[in-house]
Amino acid sequence: MSHVRNVFISFDIDDEYTVRLLRSQAKDDRFPLEFRDYSVKEPFESKWKAEVSNLISLSSAVIVMVGPLTYRSSAVDWEIREAHRQDKQVIGIRIHRNENHIIPKALRYNDPVIYWDTEKIYEMLD
């Protein structure tokens, strides 16, 4: 039985290719879960925080794609803090299985951070 989860994806722009891969994996029929991707595809010129805050409010969870420079992104940091402010589930996904990139400081000790495993991601969102 499939149900839709609205998910906001937070990522460093250098890791955008991983977001495209996650979006395509979400369409795989093997997984009993779909999600609507509310991530920001392009930077907003103005009112960025209000737009992102609204997108997060429409989401049930926030996935943070953790790559080499994610910890330095002020936008990712703000998105995580906004997700916490709105009491959203936050999950960190390490985009490289063989790397332990620095975790963004805004991720809390109780926010799970896992290696990229599609089944595990869906399990955590379900």
Protein backbone atom coordinates (compact mmCIF):
# COMPACT_ATOMS: atom_id res chain seq x y z
CA MET A 1 0.00 0.00 0.00
CA SER A 2 1.50 3.30 -1.07
CA HIS A 3 1.07 6.63 0.58
CA VAL A 4 2.54 9.98 -0.26
CA ARG A 5 5.04 11.72 1.97
CA ASN A 6 5.87 15.34 1.33
CA VAL A 7 9.62 15.69 1.72
CA PHE A 8 11.82 18.77 1.59
CA ILE A 9 15.38 18.00 0.44
CA SER A 10 18.13 20.23 1.78
CA PHE A 11 21.48 20.07 0.01
CA ASP A 12 24.61 21.94 -0.98
CA ILE A 13 24.42 23.06 -4.62
CA ASP A 14 27.55 21.01 -5.43
CA ASP A 15 25.57 17.87 -4.56
CA GLU A 16 22.53 18.59 -6.72
CA TYR A 17 23.22 15.48 -8.84
CA THR A 18 22.49 13.32 -5.78
CA VAL A 19 19.10 14.96 -5.37
CA ARG A 20 18.23 14.08 -8.97
CA LEU A 21 19.22 10.48 -8.22
CA LEU A 22 17.09 10.39 -5.05
CA ARG A 23 14.13 11.79 -6.99
CA SER A 24 14.47 9.05 -9.62
CA GLN A 25 14.81 6.34 -6.96
CA ALA A 26 11.58 7.57 -5.38
CA LYS A 27 9.75 6.61 -8.57
CA ASP A 28 10.85 2.95 -8.26
CA ASP A 29 7.80 0.67 -8.01
CA ARG A 30 9.58 -1.68 -5.58
CA PHE A 31 9.10 0.80 -2.74
CA PRO A 32 5.67 1.14 -1.13
CA LEU A 33 6.17 4.84 -0.61
CA GLU A 34 6.19 7.91 -2.78
CA PHE A 35 7.20 11.39 -1.87
CA ARG A 36 6.51 14.79 -3.27
CA ASP A 37 9.71 16.72 -3.49
CA TYR A 38 9.37 20.28 -2.21
CA SER A 39 13.06 21.12 -2.37
CA VAL A 40 14.14 24.41 -3.82
CA LYS A 41 15.32 23.84 -7.38
CA GLU A 42 16.61 27.38 -7.90
CA PRO A 43 17.67 30.05 -5.45
CA PHE A 44 14.99 32.60 -4.68
CA GLU A 45 15.95 36.18 -5.43
CA SER A 46 13.84 37.64 -2.64
CA LYS A 47 11.81 36.34 0.27
CA TRP A 48 13.86 33.13 0.18
CA LYS A 49 13.37 32.28 3.86
CA ALA A 50 9.61 32.83 3.69
CA GLU A 51 9.36 30.59 0.60
CA VAL A 52 11.47 27.85 2.15
CA SER A 53 9.62 28.09 5.45
CA ASN A 54 6.35 27.59 3.57
CA LEU A 55 7.75 24.60 1.61
CA ILE A 56 8.97 23.00 4.85
CA SER A 57 5.54 23.56 6.42
CA LEU A 58 4.00 21.56 3.55
CA SER A 59 6.43 18.70 4.22
CA SER A 60 6.29 15.91 6.74
CA ALA A 61 10.05 15.44 6.76
CA VAL A 62 13.31 17.07 5.72
CA ILE A 63 16.12 15.04 4.18
CA VAL A 64 19.57 16.61 4.41
CA MET A 65 21.97 15.32 1.77
CA VAL A 66 25.38 15.33 3.52
CA GLY A 67 28.27 15.80 1.12
CA PRO A 68 31.81 17.20 1.35
CA LEU A 69 30.83 20.87 1.81
CA THR A 70 27.31 20.64 3.23
CA TYR A 71 28.51 21.64 6.70
CA ARG A 72 29.62 25.03 5.29
CA SER A 73 26.29 25.91 3.67
CA SER A 74 24.45 28.66 5.54
CA ALA A 75 21.29 27.83 3.54
CA VAL A 76 21.35 24.17 4.63
CA ASP A 77 22.00 25.25 8.22
CA TRP A 78 18.99 27.59 8.12
CA GLU A 79 16.76 24.94 6.51
CA ILE A 80 17.61 22.41 9.23
CA ARG A 81 16.95 24.94 11.99
CA GLU A 82 13.65 25.89 10.36
CA ALA A 83 12.65 22.22 10.14
CA HIS A 84 13.38 21.82 13.86
CA ARG A 85 11.43 25.00 14.64
CA GLN A 86 8.45 23.47 12.84
CA ASP A 87 8.93 20.09 14.61
CA LYS A 88 9.59 18.23 11.36
CA GLN A 89 11.39 14.91 11.13
CA VAL A 90 14.98 15.53 9.94
CA ILE A 91 17.11 12.75 8.44
CA GLY A 92 20.71 13.17 7.34
CA ILE A 93 21.80 11.06 4.36
CA ARG A 94 25.52 10.59 3.75
CA ILE A 95 25.80 10.71 -0.04
CA HIS A 96 29.06 8.71 -0.21
CA ARG A 97 29.19 5.33 1.52
CA ASN A 98 32.95 5.42 1.95
CA GLU A 99 33.14 8.98 3.33
CA ASN A 100 32.29 10.46 6.70
CA HIS A 101 31.85 14.08 5.69
CA ILE A 102 31.40 16.63 8.46
CA ILE A 103 27.78 16.77 9.62
CA PRO A 104 26.11 20.22 9.58
CA LYS A 105 26.10 21.71 13.09
CA ALA A 106 22.33 22.30 12.97
CA LEU A 107 21.66 18.54 12.90
CA ARG A 108 20.77 17.50 16.43
CA TYR A 109 22.22 14.52 18.26
CA ASN A 110 18.88 12.72 17.91
CA ASP A 111 18.50 13.39 14.16
CA PRO A 112 19.42 10.12 12.46
CA VAL A 113 22.29 10.29 9.97
CA ILE A 114 22.54 7.23 7.76
CA TYR A 115 24.44 6.10 4.70
CA TRP A 116 22.47 6.26 1.48
CA ASP A 117 20.28 3.17 1.42
CA THR A 118 17.01 3.65 -0.42
CA GLU A 119 15.15 0.99 1.55
CA LYS A 120 16.33 2.44 4.87
CA ILE A 121 15.30 5.96 3.80
CA TYR A 122 11.80 4.79 2.91
CA GLU A 123 11.59 2.79 6.14
CA MET A 124 12.46 5.89 8.17
CA LEU A 125 9.91 8.01 6.31
CA ASP A 126 7.12 5.46 6.56
